[in-house]
Structure formats: structure tokens, C-alpha cells
């Protein structure tokens, strides 16, 4: 009888250890998933900042036009040319299925000398609040002509 009690006690201790190990593993998996999701959000913010920088660097739009809320999760989905439909690039996006605005791009420019402009783009996740710190910040020097290629109204600027 004494032996049966010892085996039952050993079994209960083993089950408790197994449950503790299972909880520890589940917690590690949960933290790993959260870290992965955070990394994906940061990658999305960097992608938006890079896309906006490319639009500015190519001279397609000015920093003033790119600044603001991003519709549908893509910088290209917004009418950056000051027209309702833009120049046709918006046709590639199904606006009916787009997600609500959840990102804002804050673009700052400053003179870098020698005909260059320092452009800093911050991608802010609006789910964290209007005054949240940028999820990602990208800084690049571009030619001044590209940074001011199109005015805030979307009209093409004159470059010397």
C-alpha cells in the first residue's frame, strides 16, 4: 500500500513538472509570435517610408504631397498628384477592398547645401495614437529638384 502511494505521488509530481514546462513553452511561443508581429509592423513602416522616399527621389511628388495619411496601406494607392484619380497608377489598386487609414507619413525637409535636400520620413502607426513616435524613420539626401518636383497642388514644377 505504501508503494502505491509513492507511485501516485511520483506521478503527481511528474504531471506538475510537465504542466509547468508546457506553460513555459506556451509563454515562449506567445512572446515569439508577438515579436514576429512587431517585426512585421516595423517592416511595413519601413516599406511605406522607402516607397515615399522613392516617389520624392524620382521627382514624382514633393514632400508636401507625400505627407499625410496613407490610404489602403500603400503610398501608391493614394492620389499623390492632386487629382482624384492621379495619373492612372491608382487603377492598379482595388479601393473597395482597402483597409482603413492606419498609417501617417510625416515628411520633413531641410537644405543640405550644394543643391541637395535632406528628407526625413517618419511612418506613424495611427493605432498607437496620433502623437505616437514613428514606427520607422528614414533619412536620405536627394537632389533639390526632385524634392520640389511637384507642388502641393500636384502640378509639375519647373526645374532649371
C-alpha atoms as a PDB file:
ATOM      1  CA  UNK A   1       0.000   0.000   0.000  1.00  0.00           C
ATOM      2  CA  UNK A   2       2.863   2.297   0.851  1.00  0.00           C
ATOM      3  CA  UNK A   3       4.422   1.622  -2.577  1.00  0.00           C
ATOM      4  CA  UNK A   4       1.170   2.571  -4.346  1.00  0.00           C
ATOM      5  CA  UNK A   5       1.126   5.914  -2.552  1.00  0.00           C
ATOM      6  CA  UNK A   6       4.710   6.627  -3.532  1.00  0.00           C
ATOM      7  CA  UNK A   7       3.974   5.863  -7.184  1.00  0.00           C
ATOM      8  CA  UNK A   8       0.916   8.126  -7.099  1.00  0.00           C
ATOM      9  CA  UNK A   9       2.977  10.916  -5.540  1.00  0.00           C
ATOM     10  CA  UNK A  10       5.689  10.475  -8.184  1.00  0.00           C
ATOM     11  CA  UNK A  11       3.032  10.577 -10.896  1.00  0.00           C
ATOM     12  CA  UNK A  12       1.514  13.775  -9.499  1.00  0.00           C
ATOM     13  CA  UNK A  13       4.971  15.434  -9.279  1.00  0.00           C
ATOM     14  CA  UNK A  14       5.761  14.385 -12.863  1.00  0.00           C
ATOM     15  CA  UNK A  15       2.427  15.799 -14.082  1.00  0.00           C
ATOM     16  CA  UNK A  16       3.066  19.085 -12.249  1.00  0.00           C
ATOM     17  CA  UNK A  17       6.527  19.331 -13.828  1.00  0.00           C
ATOM     18  CA  UNK A  18       5.073  18.578 -17.261  1.00  0.00           C
ATOM     19  CA  UNK A  19       2.373  21.232 -16.805  1.00  0.00           C
ATOM     20  CA  UNK A  20       4.974  23.809 -15.697  1.00  0.00           C
ATOM     21  CA  UNK A  21       7.155  23.005 -18.709  1.00  0.00           C
ATOM     22  CA  UNK A  22       4.126  23.258 -21.007  1.00  0.00           C
ATOM     23  CA  UNK A  23       3.204  26.668 -19.598  1.00  0.00           C
ATOM     24  CA  UNK A  24       6.775  27.890 -20.018  1.00  0.00           C
ATOM     25  CA  UNK A  25       6.834  26.718 -23.641  1.00  0.00           C
ATOM     26  CA  UNK A  26       3.436  28.301 -24.341  1.00  0.00           C
ATOM     27  CA  UNK A  27       4.666  31.608 -22.884  1.00  0.00           C
ATOM     28  CA  UNK A  28       7.801  31.487 -25.034  1.00  0.00           C
ATOM     29  CA  UNK A  29       5.715  30.828 -28.149  1.00  0.00           C
ATOM     30  CA  UNK A  30       3.382  33.714 -27.286  1.00  0.00           C
ATOM     31  CA  UNK A  31       6.347  36.094 -26.862  1.00  0.00           C
ATOM     32  CA  UNK A  32       7.826  34.843 -30.136  1.00  0.00           C
ATOM     33  CA  UNK A  33       4.594  35.487 -32.026  1.00  0.00           C
ATOM     34  CA  UNK A  34       4.317  38.987 -30.528  1.00  0.00           C
ATOM     35  CA  UNK A  35       7.917  39.753 -31.500  1.00  0.00           C
ATOM     36  CA  UNK A  36       7.275  38.467 -35.013  1.00  0.00           C
ATOM     37  CA  UNK A  37       4.152  40.634 -35.374  1.00  0.00           C
ATOM     38  CA  UNK A  38       6.085  43.673 -34.119  1.00  0.00           C
ATOM     39  CA  UNK A  39       8.811  42.966 -36.665  1.00  0.00           C
ATOM     40  CA  UNK A  40       6.230  42.715 -39.445  1.00  0.00           C
ATOM     41  CA  UNK A  41       4.754  46.088 -38.417  1.00  0.00           C
ATOM     42  CA  UNK A  42       8.201  47.682 -38.429  1.00  0.00           C
ATOM     43  CA  UNK A  43       8.907  46.173 -41.858  1.00  0.00           C
ATOM     44  CA  UNK A  44       5.588  47.612 -43.121  1.00  0.00           C
ATOM     45  CA  UNK A  45       6.510  51.042 -41.755  1.00  0.00           C
ATOM     46  CA  UNK A  46       9.935  50.881 -43.411  1.00  0.00           C
ATOM     47  CA  UNK A  47       8.319  49.814 -46.693  1.00  0.00           C
ATOM     48  CA  UNK A  48       5.975  52.811 -46.605  1.00  0.00           C
ATOM     49  CA  UNK A  49       8.864  55.176 -45.794  1.00  0.00           C
ATOM     50  CA  UNK A  50      11.016  53.727 -48.593  1.00  0.00           C
ATOM     51  CA  UNK A  51       8.140  53.982 -51.083  1.00  0.00           C
ATOM     52  CA  UNK A  52       7.537  57.607 -50.147  1.00  0.00           C
ATOM     53  CA  UNK A  53      11.259  58.356 -50.426  1.00  0.00           C
ATOM     54  CA  UNK A  54      11.360  56.744 -53.874  1.00  0.00           C
ATOM     55  CA  UNK A  55       8.403  58.875 -55.023  1.00  0.00           C
ATOM     56  CA  UNK A  56      10.173  62.013 -53.781  1.00  0.00           C
ATOM     57  CA  UNK A  57      13.581  60.983 -55.151  1.00  0.00           C
ATOM     58  CA  UNK A  58      12.094  60.209 -58.580  1.00  0.00           C
ATOM     59  CA  UNK A  59      10.523  63.667 -58.669  1.00  0.00           C
ATOM     60  CA  UNK A  60       7.004  62.264 -58.991  1.00  0.00           C
ATOM     61  CA  UNK A  61       5.726  64.172 -55.958  1.00  0.00           C
ATOM     62  CA  UNK A  62       7.016  66.697 -53.483  1.00  0.00           C
ATOM     63  CA  UNK A  63       7.485  66.093 -49.781  1.00  0.00           C
ATOM     64  CA  UNK A  64       4.382  68.186 -49.056  1.00  0.00           C
ATOM     65  CA  UNK A  65       2.208  65.947 -51.239  1.00  0.00           C
ATOM     66  CA  UNK A  66       3.507  62.704 -49.695  1.00  0.00           C
ATOM     67  CA  UNK A  67       2.991  63.949 -46.123  1.00  0.00           C
ATOM     68  CA  UNK A  68      -0.227  62.726 -44.522  1.00  0.00           C
ATOM     69  CA  UNK A  69      -2.420  59.662 -44.068  1.00  0.00           C
ATOM     70  CA  UNK A  70      -1.802  56.607 -46.214  1.00  0.00           C
ATOM     71  CA  UNK A  71      -4.948  55.013 -47.641  1.00  0.00           C
ATOM     72  CA  UNK A  72      -5.150  51.299 -48.162  1.00  0.00           C
ATOM     73  CA  UNK A  73      -1.722  50.588 -46.725  1.00  0.00           C
ATOM     74  CA  UNK A  74       0.176  51.714 -49.831  1.00  0.00           C
ATOM     75  CA  UNK A  75       1.754  55.022 -50.746  1.00  0.00           C
ATOM     76  CA  UNK A  76       0.841  54.300 -54.375  1.00  0.00           C
ATOM     77  CA  UNK A  77      -2.851  53.852 -53.539  1.00  0.00           C
ATOM     78  CA  UNK A  78      -3.242  57.496 -52.636  1.00  0.00           C
ATOM     79  CA  UNK A  79      -3.780  60.210 -55.262  1.00  0.00           C
ATOM     80  CA  UNK A  80      -0.405  61.882 -54.805  1.00  0.00           C
ATOM     81  CA  UNK A  81      -0.785  64.045 -57.903  1.00  0.00           C
ATOM     82  CA  UNK A  82      -3.536  66.267 -56.579  1.00  0.00           C
ATOM     83  CA  UNK A  83      -6.183  64.727 -58.828  1.00  0.00           C
ATOM     84  CA  UNK A  84      -8.973  62.403 -57.779  1.00  0.00           C
ATOM     85  CA  UNK A  85      -7.607  59.502 -59.828  1.00  0.00           C
ATOM     86  CA  UNK A  86      -3.991  60.587 -60.246  1.00  0.00           C
ATOM     87  CA  UNK A  87      -2.167  59.537 -63.406  1.00  0.00           C
ATOM     88  CA  UNK A  88      -3.602  56.041 -63.686  1.00  0.00           C
ATOM     89  CA  UNK A  89      -1.392  54.295 -61.142  1.00  0.00           C
ATOM     90  CA  UNK A  90      -4.349  54.173 -58.759  1.00  0.00           C
ATOM     91  CA  UNK A  91      -6.215  51.913 -61.200  1.00  0.00           C
ATOM     92  CA  UNK A  92      -3.963  49.053 -60.122  1.00  0.00           C
ATOM     93  CA  UNK A  93      -5.498  49.144 -56.647  1.00  0.00           C
ATOM     94  CA  UNK A  94      -8.965  47.990 -55.686  1.00  0.00           C
ATOM     95  CA  UNK A  95     -10.012  50.798 -53.360  1.00  0.00           C
ATOM     96  CA  UNK A  96     -13.200  48.987 -52.311  1.00  0.00           C
ATOM     97  CA  UNK A  97     -11.143  46.305 -50.601  1.00  0.00           C
ATOM     98  CA  UNK A  98      -8.608  48.610 -48.985  1.00  0.00           C
ATOM     99  CA  UNK A  99      -8.048  48.745 -45.280  1.00  0.00           C
ATOM    100  CA  UNK A 100      -8.875  51.885 -43.311  1.00  0.00           C
ATOM    101  CA  UNK A 101      -6.201  54.518 -42.868  1.00  0.00           C
ATOM    102  CA  UNK A 102      -3.822  53.396 -40.162  1.00  0.00           C
ATOM    103  CA  UNK A 103      -0.515  54.945 -41.188  1.00  0.00           C
ATOM    104  CA  UNK A 104       0.587  58.564 -41.423  1.00  0.00           C
ATOM    105  CA  UNK A 105       3.769  59.758 -43.071  1.00  0.00           C
ATOM    106  CA  UNK A 106       5.459  62.821 -41.608  1.00  0.00           C
ATOM    107  CA  UNK A 107       7.992  64.265 -44.035  1.00  0.00           C
ATOM    108  CA  UNK A 108      10.488  66.946 -43.076  1.00  0.00           C
ATOM    109  CA  UNK A 109      12.954  68.596 -45.435  1.00  0.00           C
ATOM    110  CA  UNK A 110      15.950  70.814 -44.879  1.00  0.00           C
ATOM    111  CA  UNK A 111      18.601  72.321 -47.119  1.00  0.00           C
ATOM    112  CA  UNK A 112      21.700  70.128 -47.281  1.00  0.00           C
ATOM    113  CA  UNK A 113      23.651  72.574 -49.446  1.00  0.00           C
ATOM    114  CA  UNK A 114      25.026  72.184 -52.965  1.00  0.00           C
ATOM    115  CA  UNK A 115      21.571  71.761 -54.459  1.00  0.00           C
ATOM    116  CA  UNK A 116      20.668  68.892 -52.153  1.00  0.00           C
ATOM    117  CA  UNK A 117      17.776  68.427 -49.744  1.00  0.00           C
ATOM    118  CA  UNK A 118      17.810  66.271 -46.616  1.00  0.00           C
ATOM    119  CA  UNK A 119      14.495  64.389 -46.464  1.00  0.00           C
ATOM    120  CA  UNK A 120      13.373  62.607 -43.279  1.00  0.00           C
ATOM    121  CA  UNK A 121      10.254  60.431 -43.388  1.00  0.00           C
ATOM    122  CA  UNK A 122       8.595  59.014 -40.276  1.00  0.00           C
ATOM    123  CA  UNK A 123       5.908  56.323 -40.589  1.00  0.00           C
ATOM    124  CA  UNK A 124       3.471  56.524 -37.680  1.00  0.00           C
ATOM    125  CA  UNK A 125       1.067  53.703 -36.798  1.00  0.00           C
ATOM    126  CA  UNK A 126      -2.171  55.550 -36.003  1.00  0.00           C
ATOM    127  CA  UNK A 127      -3.421  52.610 -33.919  1.00  0.00           C
ATOM    128  CA  UNK A 128      -0.865  53.716 -31.318  1.00  0.00           C
ATOM    129  CA  UNK A 129      -2.303  57.240 -31.266  1.00  0.00           C
ATOM    130  CA  UNK A 130      -1.962  60.470 -33.194  1.00  0.00           C
ATOM    131  CA  UNK A 131       1.070  61.564 -31.161  1.00  0.00           C
ATOM    132  CA  UNK A 132       2.869  58.212 -31.225  1.00  0.00           C
ATOM    133  CA  UNK A 133       6.533  58.072 -32.083  1.00  0.00           C
ATOM    134  CA  UNK A 134       7.293  56.931 -35.622  1.00  0.00           C
ATOM    135  CA  UNK A 135       7.455  53.169 -36.070  1.00  0.00           C
ATOM    136  CA  UNK A 136      10.266  53.747 -38.562  1.00  0.00           C
ATOM    137  CA  UNK A 137      12.267  56.777 -39.709  1.00  0.00           C
ATOM    138  CA  UNK A 138      14.181  57.049 -42.960  1.00  0.00           C
ATOM    139  CA  UNK A 139      16.583  59.868 -43.843  1.00  0.00           C
ATOM    140  CA  UNK A 140      18.123  60.440 -47.254  1.00  0.00           C
ATOM    141  CA  UNK A 141      19.715  63.221 -49.260  1.00  0.00           C
ATOM    142  CA  UNK A 142      18.004  63.900 -52.608  1.00  0.00           C
ATOM    143  CA  UNK A 143      18.547  66.481 -55.322  1.00  0.00           C
ATOM    144  CA  UNK A 144      16.596  69.647 -54.527  1.00  0.00           C
ATOM    145  CA  UNK A 145      14.867  69.447 -57.916  1.00  0.00           C
ATOM    146  CA  UNK A 146      13.418  66.028 -57.038  1.00  0.00           C
ATOM    147  CA  UNK A 147      12.282  67.102 -53.579  1.00  0.00           C
ATOM    148  CA  UNK A 148      10.322  70.008 -55.083  1.00  0.00           C
ATOM    149  CA  UNK A 149       9.410  68.461 -58.452  1.00  0.00           C
ATOM    150  CA  UNK A 150       5.670  68.701 -57.913  1.00  0.00           C
ATOM    151  CA  UNK A 151       3.911  71.270 -55.830  1.00  0.00           C
ATOM    152  CA  UNK A 152       1.293  70.657 -53.167  1.00  0.00           C
ATOM    153  CA  UNK A 153      -1.428  71.014 -55.820  1.00  0.00           C
ATOM    154  CA  UNK A 154       0.116  68.172 -57.821  1.00  0.00           C
ATOM    155  CA  UNK A 155       1.222  70.356 -60.733  1.00  0.00           C
ATOM    156  CA  UNK A 156       4.613  69.640 -62.193  1.00  0.00           C
ATOM    157  CA  UNK A 157       7.242  72.163 -61.167  1.00  0.00           C
ATOM    158  CA  UNK A 158       9.777  73.766 -63.459  1.00  0.00           C
ATOM    159  CA  UNK A 159      13.311  72.535 -62.985  1.00  0.00           C
ATOM    160  CA  UNK A 160      16.268  74.510 -64.353  1.00  0.00           C
END
